[in-house]
Protein backbone atom coordinates (compact mmCIF):
# COMPACT_ATOMS: atom_id res chain seq x y z
CA UNK A 1 150.59 -8.79 -65.00
CA UNK A 2 152.00 -6.13 -66.93
CA UNK A 3 155.18 -4.78 -65.48
CA UNK A 4 155.22 -0.74 -64.63
CA UNK A 5 157.22 1.52 -66.83
CA UNK A 6 159.67 1.72 -63.48
CA UNK A 7 160.30 -2.04 -63.14
CA UNK A 8 161.17 -1.92 -67.00
CA UNK A 9 163.42 0.64 -66.06
CA UNK A 10 165.33 -0.98 -63.47
CA UNK A 11 166.17 -4.38 -64.68
CA UNK A 12 168.15 -2.84 -67.93
CA UNK A 13 169.79 -0.14 -65.83
CA UNK A 14 170.58 -2.43 -63.04
CA UNK A 15 172.15 -4.94 -65.96
CA UNK A 16 174.29 -1.71 -67.04
CA UNK A 17 175.43 -0.73 -63.41
CA UNK A 18 176.47 -4.31 -62.82
CA UNK A 19 178.33 -4.58 -66.16
CA UNK A 20 180.28 -1.40 -65.05
CA UNK A 21 180.75 -2.53 -61.52
CA UNK A 22 182.36 -5.44 -62.22
CA UNK A 23 184.71 -3.90 -65.06
CA UNK A 24 185.48 -0.82 -63.38
CA UNK A 25 185.50 -2.35 -59.90
CA UNK A 26 187.65 -4.94 -60.56
CA UNK A 27 190.47 -2.57 -62.77
CA UNK A 28 190.60 -0.64 -59.54
CA UNK A 29 190.89 -3.45 -57.01
CA UNK A 30 193.66 -4.68 -59.56
CA UNK A 31 195.15 -1.11 -59.17
CA UNK A 32 194.89 -0.69 -55.31
CA UNK A 33 196.36 -4.29 -54.95
CA UNK A 34 199.23 -3.04 -57.01
CA UNK A 35 200.25 -0.29 -55.15
CA UNK A 36 199.26 -2.05 -51.93
CA UNK A 37 201.97 -4.75 -53.42
CA UNK A 38 204.44 -1.72 -53.99
CA UNK A 39 203.73 -0.65 -51.10
CA UNK A 40 204.33 -3.84 -49.22
CA UNK A 41 207.37 -4.58 -50.96
CA UNK A 42 209.00 -1.56 -50.36
CA UNK A 43 208.38 -2.04 -46.33
CA UNK A 44 209.99 -5.55 -46.70
CA UNK A 45 213.20 -4.28 -48.02
CA UNK A 46 213.08 -1.77 -45.00
CA UNK A 47 212.96 -3.95 -42.51
CA UNK A 48 215.55 -6.15 -43.80
CA UNK A 49 217.93 -3.48 -44.45
CA UNK A 50 216.92 -1.81 -41.37
CA UNK A 51 217.84 -5.38 -39.33
CA UNK A 52 221.00 -5.93 -41.68
CA UNK A 53 222.30 -2.34 -40.05
CA UNK A 54 221.48 -2.58 -37.02
CA UNK A 55 222.74 -6.34 -36.55
CA UNK A 56 226.18 -5.08 -37.85
CA UNK A 57 226.43 -2.02 -36.17
CA UNK A 58 225.72 -4.07 -33.23
CA UNK A 59 228.43 -6.31 -33.57
CA UNK A 60 231.00 -3.27 -34.59
CA UNK A 61 230.16 -1.30 -31.31
CA UNK A 62 230.20 -3.91 -29.60
CA UNK A 63 233.29 -5.00 -30.78
CA UNK A 64 235.36 -1.98 -30.19
CA UNK A 65 234.15 -1.54 -26.78
CA UNK A 66 235.20 -4.98 -26.17
CA UNK A 67 238.68 -4.32 -27.61
CA UNK A 68 239.09 -1.15 -25.90
CA UNK A 69 238.16 -2.85 -22.18
CA UNK A 70 240.61 -5.53 -22.54
CA UNK A 71 243.39 -2.64 -22.69
CA UNK A 72 241.79 -1.36 -19.33
CA UNK A 73 241.78 -4.81 -18.11
CA UNK A 74 245.31 -5.29 -18.62
CA UNK A 75 246.65 -2.55 -17.31
CA UNK A 76 244.39 -3.12 -14.24
CA UNK A 77 246.14 -6.19 -13.81
CA UNK A 78 249.63 -5.00 -14.15
CA UNK A 79 249.42 -1.45 -12.64
CA UNK A 80 250.38 -2.68 -9.57
CA UNK A 81 253.05 -5.49 -10.67
CA UNK A 82 256.05 -5.38 -8.35
CA UNK A 83 258.47 -6.24 -11.20
CA UNK A 84 257.12 -3.14 -13.42
CA UNK A 85 258.03 -0.90 -10.05
CA UNK A 86 261.68 -1.49 -10.63
CA UNK A 87 261.84 -0.83 -14.62
CA UNK A 88 263.11 2.05 -16.99
CA UNK A 89 259.71 3.86 -17.38
CA UNK A 90 259.68 3.70 -21.29
CA UNK A 91 259.84 0.08 -20.06
CA UNK A 92 257.06 0.42 -17.72
CA UNK A 93 255.19 2.09 -20.57
CA UNK A 94 255.19 -0.36 -22.90
CA UNK A 95 254.93 -3.41 -20.85
CA UNK A 96 251.50 -1.95 -19.75
CA UNK A 97 250.07 0.18 -22.28
CA UNK A 98 249.39 -1.93 -25.89
CA UNK A 99 248.78 -0.10 -29.18
CA UNK A 100 245.13 -0.52 -29.50
CA UNK A 101 244.75 3.30 -27.26
CA UNK A 102 246.76 4.72 -30.31
CA UNK A 103 244.67 2.97 -32.79
CA UNK A 104 242.43 5.77 -35.23
CA UNK A 105 239.30 6.98 -33.08
CA UNK A 106 240.43 5.58 -29.39
CA UNK A 107 242.24 8.22 -27.15
CA UNK A 108 244.87 7.73 -24.20
CA UNK A 109 244.35 5.62 -21.16
CA UNK A 110 244.96 7.41 -18.27
CA UNK A 111 245.43 5.76 -14.55
CA UNK A 112 244.43 7.72 -11.78
CA UNK A 113 245.34 7.45 -8.24
CA UNK A 114 242.99 7.59 -5.37
CA UNK A 115 242.59 11.60 -5.48
CA UNK A 116 241.88 11.56 -9.28
CA UNK A 117 245.24 11.82 -10.69
CA UNK A 118 247.26 10.91 -13.25
CA UNK A 119 250.15 9.32 -12.56
CA UNK A 120 250.39 6.91 -15.61
CA UNK A 121 249.77 8.08 -20.11
CA UNK A 122 249.74 5.79 -22.71
CA UNK A 123 250.02 8.77 -25.07
CA UNK A 124 253.34 10.16 -22.98
CA UNK A 125 255.97 8.50 -20.75
CA UNK A 126 255.62 11.68 -18.59
CA UNK A 127 252.26 11.47 -17.66
CA UNK A 128 250.16 14.96 -18.53
CA UNK A 129 248.60 16.47 -16.08
CA UNK A 130 244.97 15.47 -15.51
CA UNK A 131 243.13 15.84 -12.38
CA UNK A 132 239.54 13.62 -12.97
CA UNK A 133 238.74 14.17 -9.30
CA UNK A 134 235.40 15.43 -10.17
CA UNK A 135 234.53 13.17 -12.92
CA UNK A 136 231.26 11.08 -12.71
CA UNK A 137 233.61 7.76 -13.60
CA UNK A 138 236.14 8.37 -11.00
CA UNK A 139 233.39 9.10 -8.26
CA UNK A 140 230.96 6.00 -9.24
CA UNK A 141 234.62 3.29 -9.23
CA UNK A 142 235.49 5.39 -5.78
CA UNK A 143 231.78 4.56 -4.07
CA UNK A 144 231.00 1.43 -5.88
CA UNK A 145 233.43 -1.54 -6.28
CA UNK A 146 231.34 -3.81 -8.18
CA UNK A 147 230.83 -1.15 -11.02
CA UNK A 148 232.96 -3.03 -13.42
CA UNK A 149 233.24 -1.11 -17.13
CA UNK A 150 231.54 2.32 -16.91
CA UNK A 151 230.79 3.61 -19.52
CA UNK A 152 229.61 7.83 -19.06
CA UNK A 153 228.35 10.29 -20.90
CA UNK A 154 230.16 12.24 -24.20
CA UNK A 155 232.10 14.91 -22.74
CA UNK A 156 234.71 16.81 -24.07
CA UNK A 157 238.40 15.71 -22.86
CA UNK A 158 240.64 18.33 -21.19
CA UNK A 159 243.73 17.01 -23.07
CA UNK A 160 242.59 16.71 -26.75
CA UNK A 161 239.27 18.76 -26.60
CA UNK A 162 237.34 16.39 -28.67
CA UNK A 163 234.06 14.93 -27.78
CA UNK A 164 234.61 11.14 -26.70
CA UNK A 165 232.84 8.73 -24.68
CA UNK A 166 234.28 7.88 -21.42
CA UNK A 167 235.08 3.94 -20.83
CA UNK A 168 236.81 3.20 -16.70
CA UNK A 169 237.46 0.57 -15.07
CA UNK A 170 238.85 0.56 -11.08
CA UNK A 171 241.44 -1.03 -9.85
CA UNK A 172 242.71 -2.18 -6.55
CA UNK A 173 245.66 -2.65 -4.14
CA UNK A 174 246.43 -5.94 -3.12
CA UNK A 175 244.23 -6.17 -0.36
CA UNK A 176 241.21 -5.12 -2.37
CA UNK A 177 241.05 -1.28 -1.57
CA UNK A 178 240.37 1.24 -3.93
CA UNK A 179 243.94 2.34 -5.73
CA UNK A 180 242.62 4.15 -8.48
CA UNK A 181 241.09 4.40 -11.84
CA UNK A 182 241.62 3.58 -14.99
CA UNK A 183 240.22 5.70 -17.77
CA UNK A 184 240.19 6.03 -21.74
CA UNK A 185 237.92 7.59 -24.10
CA UNK A 186 236.43 6.28 -27.71
CA UNK A 187 235.99 9.32 -30.09
CA UNK A 188 232.61 10.01 -31.29
CA UNK A 189 233.81 10.65 -34.87
CA UNK A 190 234.98 7.69 -35.02
CA UNK A 191 231.69 6.26 -34.51
CA UNK A 192 230.13 8.27 -36.74
CA UNK A 193 232.20 7.41 -39.58
CA UNK A 194 231.65 4.12 -38.99
CA UNK A 195 227.87 4.48 -39.13
CA UNK A 196 228.53 5.78 -42.35
CA UNK A 197 230.58 3.39 -44.05
CA UNK A 198 227.96 0.59 -42.53
CA UNK A 199 224.84 2.49 -44.09
CA UNK A 200 223.81 1.11 -47.78
CA UNK A 201 220.70 3.46 -47.79
CA UNK A 202 221.45 6.56 -47.38
CA UNK A 203 218.25 7.86 -45.99
CA UNK A 204 218.94 5.50 -42.96
CA UNK A 205 219.95 7.23 -39.56
CA UNK A 206 221.95 5.52 -36.65
CA UNK A 207 221.97 6.59 -33.95
CA UNK A 208 224.04 5.55 -30.37
CA UNK A 209 221.83 5.91 -27.31
CA UNK A 210 222.33 5.38 -23.80
CA UNK A 211 219.53 3.07 -22.03
CA UNK A 212 217.37 6.13 -20.91
CA UNK A 213 216.91 7.34 -24.53
CA UNK A 214 220.01 10.14 -24.44
CA UNK A 215 221.68 9.77 -28.02
CA UNK A 216 225.48 9.10 -27.77
CA UNK A 217 225.69 9.79 -31.51
CA UNK A 218 223.45 10.32 -34.32
CA UNK A 219 220.68 12.69 -32.29
CA UNK A 220 221.45 15.73 -30.06
CA UNK A 221 220.68 15.43 -26.51
CA UNK A 222 218.20 17.76 -24.88
CA UNK A 223 218.12 18.89 -21.07
CA UNK A 224 215.73 16.13 -20.61
CA UNK A 225 217.88 13.45 -21.90
CA UNK A 226 215.93 12.62 -24.97
CA UNK A 227 216.88 12.90 -28.39
CA UNK A 228 215.44 16.51 -30.18
CA UNK A 229 215.31 14.64 -33.73
CA UNK A 230 212.28 14.32 -35.68
CA UNK A 231 210.03 11.18 -35.06
CA UNK A 232 211.31 8.59 -37.62
CA UNK A 233 208.65 6.90 -39.65
CA UNK A 234 210.01 3.15 -38.87
CA UNK A 235 212.64 2.03 -36.65
CA UNK A 236 214.25 -0.70 -35.06
CA UNK A 237 216.44 -0.82 -31.71
CA UNK A 238 218.49 -3.13 -30.66
CA UNK A 239 221.04 -3.59 -26.88
CA UNK A 240 224.74 -3.51 -27.45
CA UNK A 241 225.93 -6.23 -25.48
CA UNK A 242 225.61 -6.24 -21.85
CA UNK A 243 226.55 -2.51 -21.29
CA UNK A 244 223.82 0.34 -21.13
CA UNK A 245 224.13 1.12 -24.59
CA UNK A 246 221.39 0.70 -27.55
CA UNK A 247 221.59 1.15 -31.33
CA UNK A 248 218.73 2.76 -33.03
CA UNK A 249 218.28 2.56 -36.55
CA UNK A 250 215.75 4.93 -38.18
CA UNK A 251 213.91 5.81 -41.86
CA UNK A 252 212.09 8.85 -41.93
CA UNK A 253 208.47 8.95 -43.19
CA UNK A 254 209.34 10.91 -46.62
CA UNK A 255 212.10 8.25 -47.65
CA UNK A 256 209.36 5.56 -46.40
CA UNK A 257 207.42 7.07 -49.19
CA UNK A 258 210.12 8.20 -51.76
CA UNK A 259 210.76 4.40 -52.03
CA UNK A 260 207.35 3.25 -53.54
CA UNK A 261 204.96 6.46 -53.93
CA UNK A 262 207.07 7.85 -57.59
CA UNK A 263 205.72 4.39 -58.95
CA UNK A 264 202.42 5.17 -57.88
CA UNK A 265 201.09 8.19 -60.32
CA UNK A 266 201.69 6.02 -63.80
CA UNK A 267 199.80 2.96 -62.09
CA UNK A 268 196.69 5.56 -61.61
CA UNK A 269 197.14 7.44 -64.79
CA UNK A 270 196.15 4.35 -66.70
CA UNK A 271 193.55 3.27 -64.47
CA UNK A 272 192.04 6.46 -64.64
CA UNK A 273 192.33 6.43 -68.46
CA UNK A 274 190.93 2.72 -68.65
CA UNK A 275 187.65 4.14 -66.16
CA UNK A 276 187.11 7.38 -68.20
CA UNK A 277 186.87 4.93 -71.44
CA UNK A 278 184.35 2.16 -69.60
CA UNK A 279 182.43 5.39 -68.51
CA UNK A 280 181.81 7.00 -71.67
CA UNK A 281 180.65 3.57 -72.86
CA UNK A 282 177.84 3.31 -70.54
CA UNK A 283 177.39 7.06 -70.97
CA UNK A 284 176.42 6.14 -74.37
CA UNK A 285 174.44 3.10 -73.19
CA UNK A 286 172.39 5.36 -70.87
CA UNK A 287 171.48 8.58 -72.31
CA UNK A 288 168.18 7.36 -73.12
CA UNK A 289 167.13 5.85 -69.79
CA UNK A 290 168.40 9.28 -68.02
CA UNK A 291 165.10 10.71 -68.30
CA UNK A 292 163.42 7.83 -67.30
CA UNK A 293 165.86 7.52 -64.07
CA UNK A 294 164.83 11.41 -63.23
CA UNK A 295 161.36 10.40 -63.44
CA UNK A 296 161.73 7.26 -61.30
CA UNK A 297 163.39 9.43 -58.36
CA UNK A 298 160.50 12.43 -58.26
CA UNK A 299 158.10 9.40 -57.83
CA UNK A 300 160.29 8.14 -55.08
CA UNK A 301 160.33 11.46 -53.64
CA UNK A 302 156.97 11.72 -54.07
CA UNK A 303 156.67 8.19 -52.17
CA UNK A 304 158.54 9.53 -49.42
CA UNK A 305 156.69 12.57 -48.68
CA UNK A 306 153.62 10.47 -48.48
CA UNK A 307 155.63 8.64 -46.19
CA UNK A 308 156.00 11.38 -43.93
CA UNK A 309 152.98 12.74 -44.22
CA UNK A 310 151.83 9.66 -43.24
CA UNK A 311 153.25 9.93 -40.12
CA UNK A 312 151.94 13.40 -39.36
CA UNK A 313 148.44 14.52 -37.91
CA UNK A 314 146.94 17.19 -40.68
CA UNK A 315 144.84 18.81 -38.08
CA UNK A 316 147.49 19.59 -35.63
CA UNK A 317 150.92 18.59 -37.35
CA UNK A 318 151.89 16.29 -34.43
CA UNK A 319 152.37 12.94 -34.57
CA UNK A 320 150.07 10.76 -35.54
CA UNK A 321 148.85 7.41 -33.43
CA UNK A 322 150.77 5.30 -36.15
CA UNK A 323 154.37 7.64 -34.82
CA UNK A 324 153.35 7.54 -31.21
CA UNK A 325 153.50 3.71 -31.11
CA UNK A 326 156.62 3.58 -32.73
CA UNK A 327 158.49 6.14 -30.53
CA UNK A 328 156.89 4.55 -27.89
CA UNK A 329 158.28 1.46 -28.93
CA UNK A 330 161.87 2.88 -28.81
CA UNK A 331 161.31 4.50 -25.21
CA UNK A 332 159.51 1.68 -23.47
CA UNK A 333 162.80 -0.49 -24.29
CA UNK A 334 164.01 -1.45 -20.67
CA UNK A 335 167.26 0.10 -21.03
CA UNK A 336 166.05 3.52 -21.95
CA UNK A 337 162.53 3.57 -19.84
CA UNK A 338 163.79 5.20 -16.64
CA UNK A 339 164.48 7.83 -18.24
CA UNK A 340 161.22 8.91 -20.18
CA UNK A 341 157.91 9.98 -18.78
CA UNK A 342 154.90 9.37 -20.96
CA UNK A 343 152.20 12.37 -20.69
CA UNK A 344 148.70 11.36 -21.92
CA UNK A 345 146.21 14.81 -21.95
CA UNK A 346 142.79 15.49 -23.16
CA UNK A 347 140.73 18.24 -23.27
CA UNK A 348 138.11 18.36 -20.85
CA UNK A 349 134.49 18.42 -21.78
CA UNK A 350 135.33 18.71 -25.64
CA UNK A 351 131.88 16.86 -26.67
CA UNK A 352 130.39 19.35 -25.10
CA UNK A 353 132.62 22.16 -26.32
CA UNK A 354 132.15 20.75 -30.22
CA UNK A 355 128.33 21.05 -29.26
CA UNK A 356 128.26 24.73 -28.29
CA UNK A 357 130.52 26.15 -30.79
CA UNK A 358 130.45 23.69 -33.62
CA UNK A 359 132.85 21.41 -35.01
CA UNK A 360 135.06 23.67 -36.73
CA UNK A 361 135.85 25.84 -33.58
CA UNK A 362 136.45 22.32 -31.63
CA UNK A 363 139.27 22.05 -34.77
CA UNK A 364 140.38 24.79 -34.07
CA UNK A 365 140.80 24.45 -30.48
CA UNK A 366 142.65 21.05 -31.37
CA UNK A 367 144.79 23.49 -33.55
CA UNK A 368 146.06 25.45 -30.70
CA UNK A 369 146.61 22.87 -28.62
CA UNK A 370 148.67 21.03 -30.03
CA UNK A 371 150.93 23.74 -31.12
CA UNK A 372 151.07 24.57 -27.31
CA UNK A 373 152.30 21.16 -27.00
CA UNK A 374 154.46 21.17 -29.87
CA UNK A 375 156.54 24.17 -28.17
CA UNK A 376 156.54 22.52 -25.17
CA UNK A 377 157.77 19.14 -26.48
CA UNK A 378 160.62 21.26 -28.08
CA UNK A 379 161.98 22.98 -25.21
CA UNK A 380 162.70 19.33 -23.32
CA UNK A 381 163.46 17.65 -26.56
CA UNK A 382 160.63 15.63 -26.18
CA UNK A 383 157.82 14.44 -29.14
CA UNK A 384 154.25 15.15 -28.61
CA UNK A 385 151.28 13.38 -30.82
CA UNK A 386 147.45 13.84 -31.26
CA UNK A 387 146.79 10.12 -29.89
CA UNK A 388 142.96 10.22 -31.30
CA UNK A 389 139.95 13.10 -31.58
CA UNK A 390 140.57 15.64 -28.25
CA UNK A 391 143.58 13.25 -26.83
CA UNK A 392 147.35 14.15 -27.27
CA UNK A 393 150.15 12.25 -25.85
CA UNK A 394 153.47 13.58 -25.04
CA UNK A 395 157.13 11.56 -24.27
CA UNK A 396 159.81 12.89 -22.35
CA UNK A 397 163.13 12.32 -21.42
CA UNK A 398 163.23 13.99 -18.05
CA UNK A 399 162.72 12.64 -14.50
CA UNK A 400 159.38 12.45 -12.73
CA UNK A 401 159.76 16.01 -10.94
CA UNK A 402 160.23 17.55 -14.14
CA UNK A 403 157.63 15.63 -16.02
CA UNK A 404 154.96 16.49 -13.18
CA UNK A 405 156.15 20.21 -13.99
CA UNK A 406 156.03 19.74 -17.95
CA UNK A 407 152.14 18.91 -17.05
CA UNK A 408 151.67 21.90 -15.23
CA UNK A 409 153.36 24.17 -17.49
CA UNK A 410 151.16 22.43 -20.68
CA UNK A 411 148.07 22.76 -18.66
CA UNK A 412 148.62 26.56 -18.18
CA UNK A 413 149.56 27.51 -21.04
CA UNK A 414 146.40 25.78 -23.02
CA UNK A 415 144.48 27.68 -19.99
CA UNK A 416 146.30 30.89 -20.65
CA UNK A 417 144.83 30.20 -24.31
CA UNK A 418 141.58 31.30 -23.19
CA UNK A 419 139.29 29.59 -25.43
CA UNK A 420 136.12 30.09 -24.49
CA UNK A 421 134.12 27.57 -23.17
CA UNK A 422 130.88 28.26 -21.17
CA UNK A 423 129.78 24.41 -20.25
CA UNK A 424 133.15 24.18 -18.33
CA UNK A 425 133.36 25.61 -14.53
CA UNK A 426 136.22 27.77 -15.13
CA UNK A 427 134.73 28.97 -18.01
CA UNK A 428 138.03 28.25 -20.92
CA UNK A 429 139.34 24.84 -22.10
CA UNK A 430 141.49 23.20 -19.76
CA UNK A 431 143.65 20.11 -20.12
CA UNK A 432 143.24 16.66 -18.00
CA UNK A 433 146.69 14.82 -17.41
CA UNK A 434 147.78 11.27 -16.87
CA UNK A 435 151.55 11.12 -16.06
CA UNK A 436 153.26 7.55 -15.83
CA UNK A 437 157.00 7.71 -15.45
CA UNK A 438 159.27 4.82 -16.56
CA UNK A 439 161.07 4.76 -13.23
CA UNK A 440 158.47 3.23 -11.92
CA UNK A 441 157.16 0.40 -14.48
CA UNK A 442 160.91 -0.50 -15.90
CA UNK A 443 159.54 -3.98 -16.86
CA UNK A 444 156.68 -5.20 -18.79
CA UNK A 445 155.79 -4.24 -22.23
CA UNK A 446 154.62 -0.82 -23.93
CA UNK A 447 150.71 -1.53 -23.25
CA UNK A 448 151.47 -1.59 -19.63
CA UNK A 449 152.80 1.88 -19.84
CA UNK A 450 150.65 3.03 -22.10
CA UNK A 451 147.52 1.64 -19.63
CA UNK A 452 149.30 3.21 -16.05
CA UNK A 453 149.35 6.59 -17.81
CA UNK A 454 145.60 6.23 -19.58
CA UNK A 455 144.69 5.05 -15.92
CA UNK A 456 146.29 8.35 -14.53
CA UNK A 457 144.13 10.14 -17.07
CA UNK A 458 141.15 8.74 -15.73
CA UNK A 459 141.91 9.44 -12.41
CA UNK A 460 142.26 13.00 -13.36
CA UNK A 461 138.86 13.16 -14.92
CA UNK A 462 137.29 11.56 -11.87
CA UNK A 463 138.97 13.90 -9.47
CA UNK A 464 137.25 16.83 -11.50
CA UNK A 465 139.32 17.78 -14.58
CA UNK A 466 141.76 20.35 -15.24
CA UNK A 467 144.60 18.64 -12.96
CA UNK A 468 147.44 16.30 -13.33
CA UNK A 469 147.45 12.70 -11.99
CA UNK A 470 150.92 10.61 -10.88
CA UNK A 471 150.32 6.57 -11.75
CA UNK A 472 151.76 5.38 -8.55
CA UNK A 473 153.40 2.04 -8.31
CA UNK A 474 150.05 0.55 -6.83
CA UNK A 475 148.56 1.54 -9.46
CA UNK A 476 150.77 0.00 -12.07
CA UNK A 477 149.69 -3.80 -13.27
CA UNK A 478 153.06 -5.04 -15.79
CA UNK A 479 151.11 -7.74 -16.20
CA UNK A 480 148.50 -6.08 -18.34
CA UNK A 481 150.18 -6.38 -21.37
CA UNK A 482 146.72 -7.79 -23.30
CA UNK A 483 144.63 -4.22 -22.02
CA UNK A 484 144.62 -1.52 -24.61
CA UNK A 485 144.11 1.72 -23.28
CA UNK A 486 140.25 2.70 -22.96
CA UNK A 487 138.34 5.86 -24.71
CA UNK A 488 137.85 8.81 -22.55
CA UNK A 489 134.63 8.77 -22.02
CA UNK A 490 134.22 11.18 -19.13
CA UNK A 491 135.35 14.08 -21.52
């Protein structure tokens, strides 16, 4: 059998598309891999540099604190020595204080008595006046014998007027009672200079923080105690020894991008030029196929329109029986059924209507009824269908009470059309409605649900027409899968 023009056209176009896809896809896949590789290498380098900087900074800060703490410990051990009380003040000063407190970046060590007043000063043989009774380090050691080394929040010292971080220890009398506080400080500028020296990559920032997140060096401390600096693109954090301090090494998102992004445009440019070359070659081969492709598209569109029309009733514009069965199968799923109502509607005594007024008048009447159903379905976000002949169906997402009200509205609207029907007791065309709500039939096949509505419709016919009958549980048979809805013979 000879292939159709569309089939003959599809084969070369598939081959052409496959060749283009392989060439362009492979090229861009390699381009993407290259860019990702750049990104990966940049991140690996950043992580390595951050870990190295973090470890170096932690060790450096820990070493400085340990050295300064050793000086505080030495003073605490010697300050109450009886031998030192009788010696010359200058000799006592040399015996108590080592050279650490005089190193660059380290502040003087002061010894405070039980009232918080300085009586020994590593920076002067004659102690400078200092009252630290209101400082947190003094009250902490006074009230807590086990405070150990206390590292306080940064403050501006009253002697040097520099921003420093205090380090202090408690010292006691021979009986263990509180004798005073030994306090020193490390200049924050010393840490800043240290971090600047250790930082190999200037894009990195190094912050010394307390455990609560407030910055000591490298960030601004807000009223809430948290750093106000912009969130970094990447950061590493680690503790400083056993103290409530940590080092945070961070790098901004922009610096991360600049580590790899400038190399991306040349790669993309080359890939784009090659892509345009491949596309130009494919365009030359595809030129003669374009008209046929357009024709094929029109044919496919016509086919889609035909399929749409195949699911619509030509007279009323509602969904036809085929469409109804597809929607019913979806609504009848056990997980959804209890939220849906199924209404079967039949025009009362419609055969007599056709016999008296003719089939053309009957068609016009069905059109008007279909318009009512379409409008009511839109209002309740449901779907209306012409089930067959003068019989209609409607699926609505609502509870049973709302479904009953919907059925009454539909019947009232059709009666309101005032379509003359001399063979009807009311003189106008009316509807009978059978209603089956999914909550009453949560299990069983869709056909059982449909049969329940059909049985309710028959009951409405038997009870005199122009009414709504509700399918009750005692009238529902979930095992009725093999039973199909009957044609409404009572119409």
